[in-house]
Structures are given as structure tokens and as C-alpha cells.
Amino acid sequence: MIDNQTRNIAGMIETAYLAALNRNIVLVIYPYVKNQTIMDERLPLQEFNDLTETKELLLSLARRKNINVFDNLQIALNLIDWLFNKNVSFDQNSTSQFKFV
């Protein structure tokens, strides 16, 4: 999960690495908002733009790799639960109905 309550730089790098390895992942990305604070510090506009651009790059990579991307953690967890309970094969390279980008 890439949230908007931290800068999440390491998490975005790790996620890109896992995606590049073609690992089966489900991704939840929460966007930053202008004038947002992180740890009681208001993000300067340039940092907001940089972080937003980084998330957009990660989202672009996820789309190219056909990775499930959500903006809601509960929906992502429901999908994972359903896949495991139904013993459905999770193939991120398929064009299945489970691609919610």
C-alpha cells in the first residue's frame, strides 16, 4: 500500500522492484492532495509535485505490467480474499476481469 500519510519513497521503489520481477502483487495507491501535511509538516509545492509525479510513474508501470491497482484498501483485500477462497489462479499477465486500474 502506498499511502499519502508519508512520503513513501522506499515503498514506491520496493513496489517498482517487485513489479519489475513480475511478482504477483495487488497495489493500493492513495493520492497526495495540495497543501497536505505529512507528520505535521506542510508539503512544499515542489515536493508535492515530485511525489505526485513519482506515484504517477509507479501507476504507469503497474498498468504496463497489468497489476491490479486500487484506491481503496478494503476493496483490494476483498479481491485477495475472494481469489484465495475460490482458489483462483492469480495471473497478473492475463486480461482477466480483476484488473481494476
PDB file of N, CA and C in Angstrom:
ATOM      1  N   MET A   1       0.848  -1.167   0.000  1.00  0.00           N
ATOM      2  CA  MET A   1       0.000   0.000   0.000  1.00  0.00           C
ATOM      3  C   MET A   1       0.895   1.232   0.000  1.00  0.00           C
ATOM      4  N   ILE A   2       0.612   2.132  -0.902  1.00  0.00           N
ATOM      5  CA  ILE A   2       1.323   3.399  -0.990  1.00  0.00           C
ATOM      6  C   ILE A   2       0.338   4.462  -0.515  1.00  0.00           C
ATOM      7  N   ASP A   3       0.498   4.879   0.727  1.00  0.00           N
ATOM      8  CA  ASP A   3      -0.474   5.818   1.299  1.00  0.00           C
ATOM      9  C   ASP A   3      -0.056   7.262   1.042  1.00  0.00           C
ATOM     10  N   ASN A   4      -0.811   8.182   1.596  1.00  0.00           N
ATOM     11  CA  ASN A   4      -0.500   9.604   1.442  1.00  0.00           C
ATOM     12  C   ASN A   4      -0.181  10.249   2.790  1.00  0.00           C
ATOM     13  N   GLN A   5       0.096   9.428   3.788  1.00  0.00           N
ATOM     14  CA  GLN A   5       0.415   9.953   5.115  1.00  0.00           C
ATOM     15  C   GLN A   5       1.918  10.015   5.361  1.00  0.00           C
ATOM     16  N   THR A   6       2.694   9.433   4.446  1.00  0.00           N
ATOM     17  CA  THR A   6       4.156   9.511   4.491  1.00  0.00           C
ATOM     18  C   THR A   6       4.639   9.797   3.077  1.00  0.00           C
ATOM     19  N   ARG A   7       5.912  10.056   2.950  1.00  0.00           N
ATOM     20  CA  ARG A   7       6.461  10.311   1.614  1.00  0.00           C
ATOM     21  C   ARG A   7       6.573   9.011   0.817  1.00  0.00           C
ATOM     22  N   ASN A   8       6.783   7.908   1.488  1.00  0.00           N
ATOM     23  CA  ASN A   8       6.723   6.575   0.882  1.00  0.00           C
ATOM     24  C   ASN A   8       7.723   6.328  -0.240  1.00  0.00           C
ATOM     25  N   ILE A   9       8.832   7.024  -0.243  1.00  0.00           N
ATOM     26  CA  ILE A   9       9.810   6.852  -1.316  1.00  0.00           C
ATOM     27  C   ILE A   9      10.319   5.408  -1.363  1.00  0.00           C
ATOM     28  N   ALA A  10      10.735   4.871  -0.215  1.00  0.00           N
ATOM     29  CA  ALA A  10      11.252   3.496  -0.184  1.00  0.00           C
ATOM     30  C   ALA A  10      10.177   2.497  -0.618  1.00  0.00           C
ATOM     31  N   GLY A  11       8.940   2.714  -0.186  1.00  0.00           N
ATOM     32  CA  GLY A  11       7.851   1.824  -0.569  1.00  0.00           C
ATOM     33  C   GLY A  11       7.592   1.836  -2.064  1.00  0.00           C
ATOM     34  N   MET A  12       7.686   3.006  -2.684  1.00  0.00           N
ATOM     35  CA  MET A  12       7.474   3.090  -4.128  1.00  0.00           C
ATOM     36  C   MET A  12       8.608   2.396  -4.884  1.00  0.00           C
ATOM     37  N   ILE A  13       9.839   2.550  -4.390  1.00  0.00           N
ATOM     38  CA  ILE A  13      10.979   1.884  -5.028  1.00  0.00           C
ATOM     39  C   ILE A  13      10.840   0.365  -4.897  1.00  0.00           C
ATOM     40  N   GLU A  14      10.488  -0.101  -3.712  1.00  0.00           N
ATOM     41  CA  GLU A  14      10.290  -1.538  -3.490  1.00  0.00           C
ATOM     42  C   GLU A  14       9.185  -2.098  -4.382  1.00  0.00           C
ATOM     43  N   THR A  15       8.095  -1.359  -4.497  1.00  0.00           N
ATOM     44  CA  THR A  15       6.979  -1.803  -5.326  1.00  0.00           C
ATOM     45  C   THR A  15       7.391  -1.882  -6.788  1.00  0.00           C
ATOM     46  N   ALA A  16       8.128  -0.886  -7.266  1.00  0.00           N
ATOM     47  CA  ALA A  16       8.611  -0.907  -8.650  1.00  0.00           C
ATOM     48  C   ALA A  16       9.530  -2.109  -8.875  1.00  0.00           C
ATOM     49  N   TYR A  17      10.360  -2.409  -7.892  1.00  0.00           N
ATOM     50  CA  TYR A  17      11.261  -3.560  -7.977  1.00  0.00           C
ATOM     51  C   TYR A  17      10.462  -4.859  -8.089  1.00  0.00           C
ATOM     52  N   LEU A  18       9.467  -5.030  -7.225  1.00  0.00           N
ATOM     53  CA  LEU A  18       8.642  -6.240  -7.263  1.00  0.00           C
ATOM     54  C   LEU A  18       7.884  -6.352  -8.584  1.00  0.00           C
ATOM     55  N   ALA A  19       7.407  -5.227  -9.083  1.00  0.00           N
ATOM     56  CA  ALA A  19       6.705  -5.229 -10.367  1.00  0.00           C
ATOM     57  C   ALA A  19       7.656  -5.631 -11.492  1.00  0.00           C
ATOM     58  N   ALA A  20       8.880  -5.121 -11.447  1.00  0.00           N
ATOM     59  CA  ALA A  20       9.866  -5.456 -12.477  1.00  0.00           C
ATOM     60  C   ALA A  20      10.221  -6.941 -12.453  1.00  0.00           C
ATOM     61  N   LEU A  21      10.118  -7.562 -11.279  1.00  0.00           N
ATOM     62  CA  LEU A  21      10.374  -9.002 -11.155  1.00  0.00           C
ATOM     63  C   LEU A  21       9.166  -9.843 -11.555  1.00  0.00           C
ATOM     64  N   ASN A  22       8.099  -9.170 -11.976  1.00  0.00           N
ATOM     65  CA  ASN A  22       6.849  -9.843 -12.357  1.00  0.00           C
ATOM     66  C   ASN A  22       6.237 -10.633 -11.208  1.00  0.00           C
ATOM     67  N   ARG A  23       6.365 -10.105 -10.003  1.00  0.00           N
ATOM     68  CA  ARG A  23       5.732 -10.726  -8.838  1.00  0.00           C
ATOM     69  C   ARG A  23       4.236 -10.464  -8.880  1.00  0.00           C
ATOM     70  N   ASN A  24       3.467 -11.378  -8.324  1.00  0.00           N
ATOM     71  CA  ASN A  24       2.023 -11.184  -8.225  1.00  0.00           C
ATOM     72  C   ASN A  24       1.746 -10.232  -7.072  1.00  0.00           C
ATOM     73  N   ILE A  25       1.347  -9.032  -7.393  1.00  0.00           N
ATOM     74  CA  ILE A  25       1.058  -8.037  -6.362  1.00  0.00           C
ATOM     75  C   ILE A  25      -0.273  -7.366  -6.653  1.00  0.00           C
ATOM     76  N   VAL A  26      -0.885  -6.899  -5.602  1.00  0.00           N
ATOM     77  CA  VAL A  26      -2.071  -6.049  -5.678  1.00  0.00           C
ATOM     78  C   VAL A  26      -1.655  -4.740  -5.037  1.00  0.00           C
ATOM     79  N   LEU A  27      -1.894  -3.650  -5.710  1.00  0.00           N
ATOM     80  CA  LEU A  27      -1.377  -2.356  -5.282  1.00  0.00           C
ATOM     81  C   LEU A  27      -2.513  -1.416  -4.905  1.00  0.00           C
ATOM     82  N   VAL A  28      -2.355  -0.763  -3.763  1.00  0.00           N
ATOM     83  CA  VAL A  28      -3.289   0.280  -3.333  1.00  0.00           C
ATOM     84  C   VAL A  28      -2.495   1.577  -3.284  1.00  0.00           C
ATOM     85  N   ILE A  29      -2.965   2.577  -4.020  1.00  0.00           N
ATOM     86  CA  ILE A  29      -2.284   3.874  -4.064  1.00  0.00           C
ATOM     87  C   ILE A  29      -3.272   4.961  -3.661  1.00  0.00           C
ATOM     88  N   TYR A  30      -2.921   5.704  -2.616  1.00  0.00           N
ATOM     89  CA  TYR A  30      -3.705   6.869  -2.208  1.00  0.00           C
ATOM     90  C   TYR A  30      -2.983   8.118  -2.696  1.00  0.00           C
ATOM     91  N   PRO A  31      -3.664   9.011  -3.400  1.00  0.00           N
ATOM     92  CA  PRO A  31      -3.001  10.203  -3.946  1.00  0.00           C
ATOM     93  C   PRO A  31      -2.717  11.255  -2.875  1.00  0.00           C
ATOM     94  N   TYR A  32      -1.722  12.074  -3.154  1.00  0.00           N
ATOM     95  CA  TYR A  32      -1.469  13.250  -2.321  1.00  0.00           C
ATOM     96  C   TYR A  32      -2.440  14.348  -2.736  1.00  0.00           C
ATOM     97  N   VAL A  33      -2.692  15.292  -1.837  1.00  0.00           N
ATOM     98  CA  VAL A  33      -3.529  16.450  -2.157  1.00  0.00           C
ATOM     99  C   VAL A  33      -2.726  17.715  -1.874  1.00  0.00           C
ATOM    100  N   LYS A  34      -3.003  18.753  -2.648  1.00  0.00           N
ATOM    101  CA  LYS A  34      -2.290  20.021  -2.448  1.00  0.00           C
ATOM    102  C   LYS A  34      -2.508  20.533  -1.030  1.00  0.00           C
ATOM    103  N   ASN A  35      -1.491  21.193  -0.521  1.00  0.00           N
ATOM    104  CA  ASN A  35      -1.495  21.759   0.837  1.00  0.00           C
ATOM    105  C   ASN A  35      -1.621  20.688   1.913  1.00  0.00           C
ATOM    106  N   GLN A  36      -1.247  19.487   1.588  1.00  0.00           N
ATOM    107  CA  GLN A  36      -1.307  18.371   2.529  1.00  0.00           C
ATOM    108  C   GLN A  36      -0.173  18.477   3.538  1.00  0.00           C
ATOM    109  N   THR A  37      -0.422  17.952   4.722  1.00  0.00           N
ATOM    110  CA  THR A  37       0.639  17.854   5.718  1.00  0.00           C
ATOM    111  C   THR A  37       1.010  16.390   5.911  1.00  0.00           C
ATOM    112  N   ILE A  38       2.291  16.172   6.143  1.00  0.00           N
ATOM    113  CA  ILE A  38       2.819  14.853   6.470  1.00  0.00           C
ATOM    114  C   ILE A  38       3.625  15.016   7.740  1.00  0.00           C
ATOM    115  N   MET A  39       3.230  14.294   8.784  1.00  0.00           N
ATOM    116  CA  MET A  39       3.894  14.393  10.087  1.00  0.00           C
ATOM    117  C   MET A  39       3.929  15.856  10.559  1.00  0.00           C
ATOM    118  N   ASP A  40       2.799  16.525  10.462  1.00  0.00           N
ATOM    119  CA  ASP A  40       2.624  17.921  10.883  1.00  0.00           C
ATOM    120  C   ASP A  40       3.474  18.915  10.096  1.00  0.00           C
ATOM    121  N   GLU A  41       3.909  18.535   8.915  1.00  0.00           N
ATOM    122  CA  GLU A  41       4.697  19.426   8.066  1.00  0.00           C
ATOM    123  C   GLU A  41       3.978  19.583   6.726  1.00  0.00           C
ATOM    124  N   ARG A  42       3.695  20.816   6.348  1.00  0.00           N
ATOM    125  CA  ARG A  42       3.041  21.057   5.060  1.00  0.00           C
ATOM    126  C   ARG A  42       4.031  20.782   3.932  1.00  0.00           C
ATOM    127  N   LEU A  43       3.575  20.019   2.948  1.00  0.00           N
ATOM    128  CA  LEU A  43       4.430  19.719   1.805  1.00  0.00           C
ATOM    129  C   LEU A  43       4.614  20.965   0.949  1.00  0.00           C
ATOM    130  N   PRO A  44       5.851  21.359   0.685  1.00  0.00           N
ATOM    131  CA  PRO A  44       6.071  22.450  -0.272  1.00  0.00           C
ATOM    132  C   PRO A  44       5.554  22.026  -1.646  1.00  0.00           C
ATOM    133  N   LEU A  45       5.163  22.972  -2.460  1.00  0.00           N
ATOM    134  CA  LEU A  45       4.570  22.676  -3.765  1.00  0.00           C
ATOM    135  C   LEU A  45       5.493  21.809  -4.617  1.00  0.00           C
ATOM    136  N   GLN A  46       6.784  22.116  -4.644  1.00  0.00           N
ATOM    137  CA  GLN A  46       7.713  21.330  -5.465  1.00  0.00           C
ATOM    138  C   GLN A  46       7.782  19.879  -4.990  1.00  0.00           C
ATOM    139  N   GLU A  47       7.813  19.675  -3.680  1.00  0.00           N
ATOM    140  CA  GLU A  47       7.851  18.307  -3.154  1.00  0.00           C
ATOM    141  C   GLU A  47       6.540  17.580  -3.455  1.00  0.00           C
ATOM    142  N   PHE A  48       5.423  18.282  -3.319  1.00  0.00           N
ATOM    143  CA  PHE A  48       4.125  17.703  -3.681  1.00  0.00           C
ATOM    144  C   PHE A  48       4.144  17.256  -5.138  1.00  0.00           C
ATOM    145  N   ASN A  49       4.636  18.123  -6.025  1.00  0.00           N
ATOM    146  CA  ASN A  49       4.704  17.785  -7.451  1.00  0.00           C
ATOM    147  C   ASN A  49       5.617  16.587  -7.697  1.00  0.00           C
ATOM    148  N   ASP A  50       6.767  16.554  -7.028  1.00  0.00           N
ATOM    149  CA  ASP A  50       7.703  15.441  -7.193  1.00  0.00           C
ATOM    150  C   ASP A  50       7.090  14.123  -6.719  1.00  0.00           C
ATOM    151  N   LEU A  51       6.459  14.136  -5.553  1.00  0.00           N
ATOM    152  CA  LEU A  51       5.848  12.919  -5.019  1.00  0.00           C
ATOM    153  C   LEU A  51       4.680  12.452  -5.888  1.00  0.00           C
ATOM    154  N   THR A  52       3.890  13.397  -6.366  1.00  0.00           N
ATOM    155  CA  THR A  52       2.764  13.058  -7.233  1.00  0.00           C
ATOM    156  C   THR A  52       3.265  12.456  -8.540  1.00  0.00           C
ATOM    157  N   GLU A  53       4.308  13.046  -9.105  1.00  0.00           N
ATOM    158  CA  GLU A  53       4.877  12.517 -10.348  1.00  0.00           C
ATOM    159  C   GLU A  53       5.436  11.105 -10.135  1.00  0.00           C
ATOM    160  N   THR A  54       6.061  10.878  -8.994  1.00  0.00           N
ATOM    161  CA  THR A  54       6.600   9.555  -8.688  1.00  0.00           C
ATOM    162  C   THR A  54       5.480   8.521  -8.594  1.00  0.00           C
ATOM    163  N   LYS A  55       4.378   8.885  -7.959  1.00  0.00           N
ATOM    164  CA  LYS A  55       3.239   7.955  -7.885  1.00  0.00           C
ATOM    165  C   LYS A  55       2.659   7.705  -9.270  1.00  0.00           C
ATOM    166  N   GLU A  56       2.627   8.731 -10.106  1.00  0.00           N
ATOM    167  CA  GLU A  56       2.122   8.555 -11.470  1.00  0.00           C
ATOM    168  C   GLU A  56       3.019   7.609 -12.270  1.00  0.00           C
ATOM    169  N   LEU A  57       4.333   7.719 -12.071  1.00  0.00           N
ATOM    170  CA  LEU A  57       5.256   6.799 -12.743  1.00  0.00           C
ATOM    171  C   LEU A  57       5.024   5.360 -12.279  1.00  0.00           C
ATOM    172  N   LEU A  58       4.815   5.184 -10.990  1.00  0.00           N
ATOM    173  CA  LEU A  58       4.537   3.853 -10.455  1.00  0.00           C
ATOM    174  C   LEU A  58       3.222   3.313 -11.015  1.00  0.00           C
ATOM    175  N   LEU A  59       2.220   4.157 -11.094  1.00  0.00           N
ATOM    176  CA  LEU A  59       0.935   3.749 -11.659  1.00  0.00           C
ATOM    177  C   LEU A  59       1.092   3.364 -13.130  1.00  0.00           C
ATOM    178  N   SER A  60       1.894   4.111 -13.867  1.00  0.00           N
ATOM    179  CA  SER A  60       2.149   3.797 -15.271  1.00  0.00           C
ATOM    180  C   SER A  60       2.830   2.436 -15.409  1.00  0.00           C
ATOM    181  N   LEU A  61       3.813   2.176 -14.561  1.00  0.00           N
ATOM    182  CA  LEU A  61       4.482   0.873 -14.563  1.00  0.00           C
ATOM    183  C   LEU A  61       3.482  -0.238 -14.249  1.00  0.00           C
ATOM    184  N   ALA A  62       2.652  -0.016 -13.254  1.00  0.00           N
ATOM    185  CA  ALA A  62       1.655  -1.019 -12.870  1.00  0.00           C
ATOM    186  C   ALA A  62       0.703  -1.312 -14.025  1.00  0.00           C
ATOM    187  N   ARG A  63       0.299  -0.293 -14.731  1.00  0.00           N
ATOM    188  CA  ARG A  63      -0.600  -0.505 -15.878  1.00  0.00           C
ATOM    189  C   ARG A  63       0.091  -1.330 -16.959  1.00  0.00           C
ATOM    190  N   ARG A  64       1.352  -1.003 -17.244  1.00  0.00           N
ATOM    191  CA  ARG A  64       2.093  -1.751 -18.270  1.00  0.00           C
ATOM    192  C   ARG A  64       2.272  -3.215 -17.880  1.00  0.00           C
ATOM    193  N   LYS A  65       2.371  -3.479 -16.583  1.00  0.00           N
ATOM    194  CA  LYS A  65       2.565  -4.839 -16.085  1.00  0.00           C
ATOM    195  C   LYS A  65       1.240  -5.530 -15.756  1.00  0.00           C
ATOM    196  N   ASN A  66       0.115  -4.873 -16.040  1.00  0.00           N
ATOM    197  CA  ASN A  66      -1.221  -5.424 -15.750  1.00  0.00           C
ATOM    198  C   ASN A  66      -1.396  -5.784 -14.286  1.00  0.00           C
ATOM    199  N   ILE A  67      -0.918  -4.904 -13.416  1.00  0.00           N
ATOM    200  CA  ILE A  67      -1.035  -5.113 -11.975  1.00  0.00           C
ATOM    201  C   ILE A  67      -2.343  -4.503 -11.495  1.00  0.00           C
ATOM    202  N   ASN A  68      -3.032  -5.224 -10.629  1.00  0.00           N
ATOM    203  CA  ASN A  68      -4.261  -4.704 -10.031  1.00  0.00           C
ATOM    204  C   ASN A  68      -3.925  -3.483  -9.190  1.00  0.00           C
ATOM    205  N   VAL A  69      -4.579  -2.361  -9.463  1.00  0.00           N
ATOM    206  CA  VAL A  69      -4.351  -1.122  -8.715  1.00  0.00           C
ATOM    207  C   VAL A  69      -5.689  -0.617  -8.193  1.00  0.00           C
ATOM    208  N   PHE A  70      -5.709  -0.273  -6.907  1.00  0.00           N
ATOM    209  CA  PHE A  70      -6.921   0.215  -6.258  1.00  0.00           C
ATOM    210  C   PHE A  70      -6.619   1.519  -5.536  1.00  0.00           C
ATOM    211  N   ASP A  71      -7.657   2.260  -5.250  1.00  0.00           N
ATOM    212  CA  ASP A  71      -7.521   3.439  -4.380  1.00  0.00           C
ATOM    213  C   ASP A  71      -8.304   3.226  -3.088  1.00  0.00           C
ATOM    214  N   ASN A  72      -8.642   1.958  -2.824  1.00  0.00           N
ATOM    215  CA  ASN A  72      -9.406   1.601  -1.634  1.00  0.00           C
ATOM    216  C   ASN A  72      -8.869   0.278  -1.095  1.00  0.00           C
ATOM    217  N   LEU A  73      -8.327   0.303   0.114  1.00  0.00           N
ATOM    218  CA  LEU A  73      -7.713  -0.887   0.704  1.00  0.00           C
ATOM    219  C   LEU A  73      -8.717  -2.016   0.895  1.00  0.00           C
ATOM    220  N   GLN A  74      -9.915  -1.708   1.366  1.00  0.00           N
ATOM    221  CA  GLN A  74     -10.901  -2.757   1.632  1.00  0.00           C
ATOM    222  C   GLN A  74     -11.284  -3.501   0.363  1.00  0.00           C
ATOM    223  N   ILE A  75     -11.440  -2.794  -0.736  1.00  0.00           N
ATOM    224  CA  ILE A  75     -11.779  -3.457  -2.000  1.00  0.00           C
ATOM    225  C   ILE A  75     -10.643  -4.374  -2.434  1.00  0.00           C
ATOM    226  N   ALA A  76      -9.402  -3.914  -2.280  1.00  0.00           N
ATOM    227  CA  ALA A  76      -8.248  -4.749  -2.635  1.00  0.00           C
ATOM    228  C   ALA A  76      -8.209  -6.006  -1.769  1.00  0.00           C
ATOM    229  N   LEU A  77      -8.442  -5.844  -0.478  1.00  0.00           N
ATOM    230  CA  LEU A  77      -8.449  -7.001   0.423  1.00  0.00           C
ATOM    231  C   LEU A  77      -9.580  -7.964   0.087  1.00  0.00           C
ATOM    232  N   ASN A  78     -10.732  -7.428  -0.299  1.00  0.00           N
ATOM    233  CA  ASN A  78     -11.852  -8.285  -0.696  1.00  0.00           C
ATOM    234  C   ASN A  78     -11.488  -9.123  -1.917  1.00  0.00           C
ATOM    235  N   LEU A  79     -10.798  -8.514  -2.881  1.00  0.00           N
ATOM    236  CA  LEU A  79     -10.378  -9.262  -4.065  1.00  0.00           C
ATOM    237  C   LEU A  79      -9.409 -10.368  -3.677  1.00  0.00           C
ATOM    238  N   ILE A  80      -8.417 -10.041  -2.865  1.00  0.00           N
ATOM    239  CA  ILE A  80      -7.433 -11.040  -2.447  1.00  0.00           C
ATOM    240  C   ILE A  80      -8.122 -12.185  -1.706  1.00  0.00           C
ATOM    241  N   ASP A  81      -9.026 -11.849  -0.800  1.00  0.00           N
ATOM    242  CA  ASP A  81      -9.769 -12.865  -0.053  1.00  0.00           C
ATOM    243  C   ASP A  81     -10.560 -13.753  -1.003  1.00  0.00           C
ATOM    244  N   TRP A  82     -11.238 -13.140  -1.959  1.00  0.00           N
ATOM    245  CA  TRP A  82     -12.036 -13.900  -2.916  1.00  0.00           C
ATOM    246  C   TRP A  82     -11.152 -14.833  -3.731  1.00  0.00           C
ATOM    247  N   LEU A  83     -10.012 -14.324  -4.202  1.00  0.00           N
ATOM    248  CA  LEU A  83      -9.108 -15.150  -5.002  1.00  0.00           C
ATOM    249  C   LEU A  83      -8.614 -16.361  -4.215  1.00  0.00           C
ATOM    250  N   PHE A  84      -8.237 -16.139  -2.954  1.00  0.00           N
ATOM    251  CA  PHE A  84      -7.751 -17.252  -2.144  1.00  0.00           C
ATOM    252  C   PHE A  84      -8.866 -18.234  -1.803  1.00  0.00           C
ATOM    253  N   ASN A  85     -10.040 -17.740  -1.464  1.00  0.00           N
ATOM    254  CA  ASN A  85     -11.151 -18.624  -1.096  1.00  0.00           C
ATOM    255  C   ASN A  85     -11.679 -19.427  -2.272  1.00  0.00           C
ATOM    256  N   LYS A  86     -11.629 -18.855  -3.452  1.00  0.00           N
ATOM    257  CA  LYS A  86     -12.101 -19.555  -4.649  1.00  0.00           C
ATOM    258  C   LYS A  86     -10.984 -20.357  -5.302  1.00  0.00           C
ATOM    259  N   ASN A  87      -9.781 -20.262  -4.741  1.00  0.00           N
ATOM    260  CA  ASN A  87      -8.608 -20.941  -5.292  1.00  0.00           C
ATOM    261  C   ASN A  87      -8.405 -20.571  -6.755  1.00  0.00           C
ATOM    262  N   VAL A  88      -8.601 -19.292  -7.047  1.00  0.00           N
ATOM    263  CA  VAL A  88      -8.446 -18.778  -8.402  1.00  0.00           C
ATOM    264  C   VAL A  88      -6.969 -18.537  -8.663  1.00  0.00           C
ATOM    265  N   SER A  89      -6.529 -18.933  -9.833  1.00  0.00           N
ATOM    266  CA  SER A  89      -5.148 -18.659 -10.215  1.00  0.00           C
ATOM    267  C   SER A  89      -4.995 -17.165 -10.451  1.00  0.00           C
ATOM    268  N   PHE A  90      -4.002 -16.577  -9.831  1.00  0.00           N
ATOM    269  CA  PHE A  90      -3.771 -15.140  -9.944  1.00  0.00           C
ATOM    270  C   PHE A  90      -2.662 -14.927 -10.956  1.00  0.00           C
ATOM    271  N   ASP A  91      -3.032 -14.564 -12.173  1.00  0.00           N
ATOM    272  CA  ASP A  91      -2.057 -14.344 -13.236  1.00  0.00           C
ATOM    273  C   ASP A  91      -2.083 -12.885 -13.616  1.00  0.00           C
ATOM    274  N   GLN A  92      -1.054 -12.141 -13.201  1.00  0.00           N
ATOM    275  CA  GLN A  92      -1.049 -10.703 -13.456  1.00  0.00           C
ATOM    276  C   GLN A  92      -0.851 -10.392 -14.931  1.00  0.00           C
ATOM    277  N   ASN A  93      -0.454 -11.363 -15.733  1.00  0.00           N
ATOM    278  CA  ASN A  93      -0.255 -11.107 -17.150  1.00  0.00           C
ATOM    279  C   ASN A  93      -1.499 -11.405 -17.977  1.00  0.00           C
ATOM    280  N   SER A  94      -2.559 -11.838 -17.325  1.00  0.00           N
ATOM    281  CA  SER A  94      -3.793 -12.103 -18.053  1.00  0.00           C
ATOM    282  C   SER A  94      -4.578 -10.807 -18.206  1.00  0.00           C
ATOM    283  N   THR A  95      -5.617 -10.866 -18.989  1.00  0.00           N
ATOM    284  CA  THR A  95      -6.504  -9.708 -19.134  1.00  0.00           C
ATOM    285  C   THR A  95      -7.819 -10.026 -18.451  1.00  0.00           C
ATOM    286  N   SER A  96      -7.728 -10.610 -17.277  1.00  0.00           N
ATOM    287  CA  SER A  96      -8.923 -11.052 -16.563  1.00  0.00           C
ATOM    288  C   SER A  96      -9.764  -9.875 -16.096  1.00  0.00           C
ATOM    289  N   GLN A  97     -10.928 -10.201 -15.585  1.00  0.00           N
ATOM    290  CA  GLN A  97     -11.849  -9.181 -15.097  1.00  0.00           C
ATOM    291  C   GLN A  97     -11.359  -8.516 -13.821  1.00  0.00           C
ATOM    292  N   PHE A  98     -10.252  -8.970 -13.259  1.00  0.00           N
ATOM    293  CA  PHE A  98      -9.798  -8.450 -11.980  1.00  0.00           C
ATOM    294  C   PHE A  98      -8.816  -7.300 -12.106  1.00  0.00           C
ATOM    295  N   LYS A  99      -8.697  -6.717 -13.262  1.00  0.00           N
ATOM    296  CA  LYS A  99      -7.783  -5.594 -13.444  1.00  0.00           C
ATOM    297  C   LYS A  99      -8.554  -4.296 -13.226  1.00  0.00           C
ATOM    298  N   PHE A 100      -8.393  -3.694 -12.063  1.00  0.00           N
ATOM    299  CA  PHE A 100      -9.167  -2.510 -11.688  1.00  0.00           C
ATOM    300  C   PHE A 100      -8.273  -1.280 -11.663  1.00  0.00           C
ATOM    301  N   VAL A 101      -7.796  -0.852 -12.797  1.00  0.00           N
ATOM    302  CA  VAL A 101      -6.919   0.322 -12.851  1.00  0.00           C
ATOM    303  C   VAL A 101      -7.737   1.530 -13.236  1.00  0.00           C
TER     304      VAL A 101
END
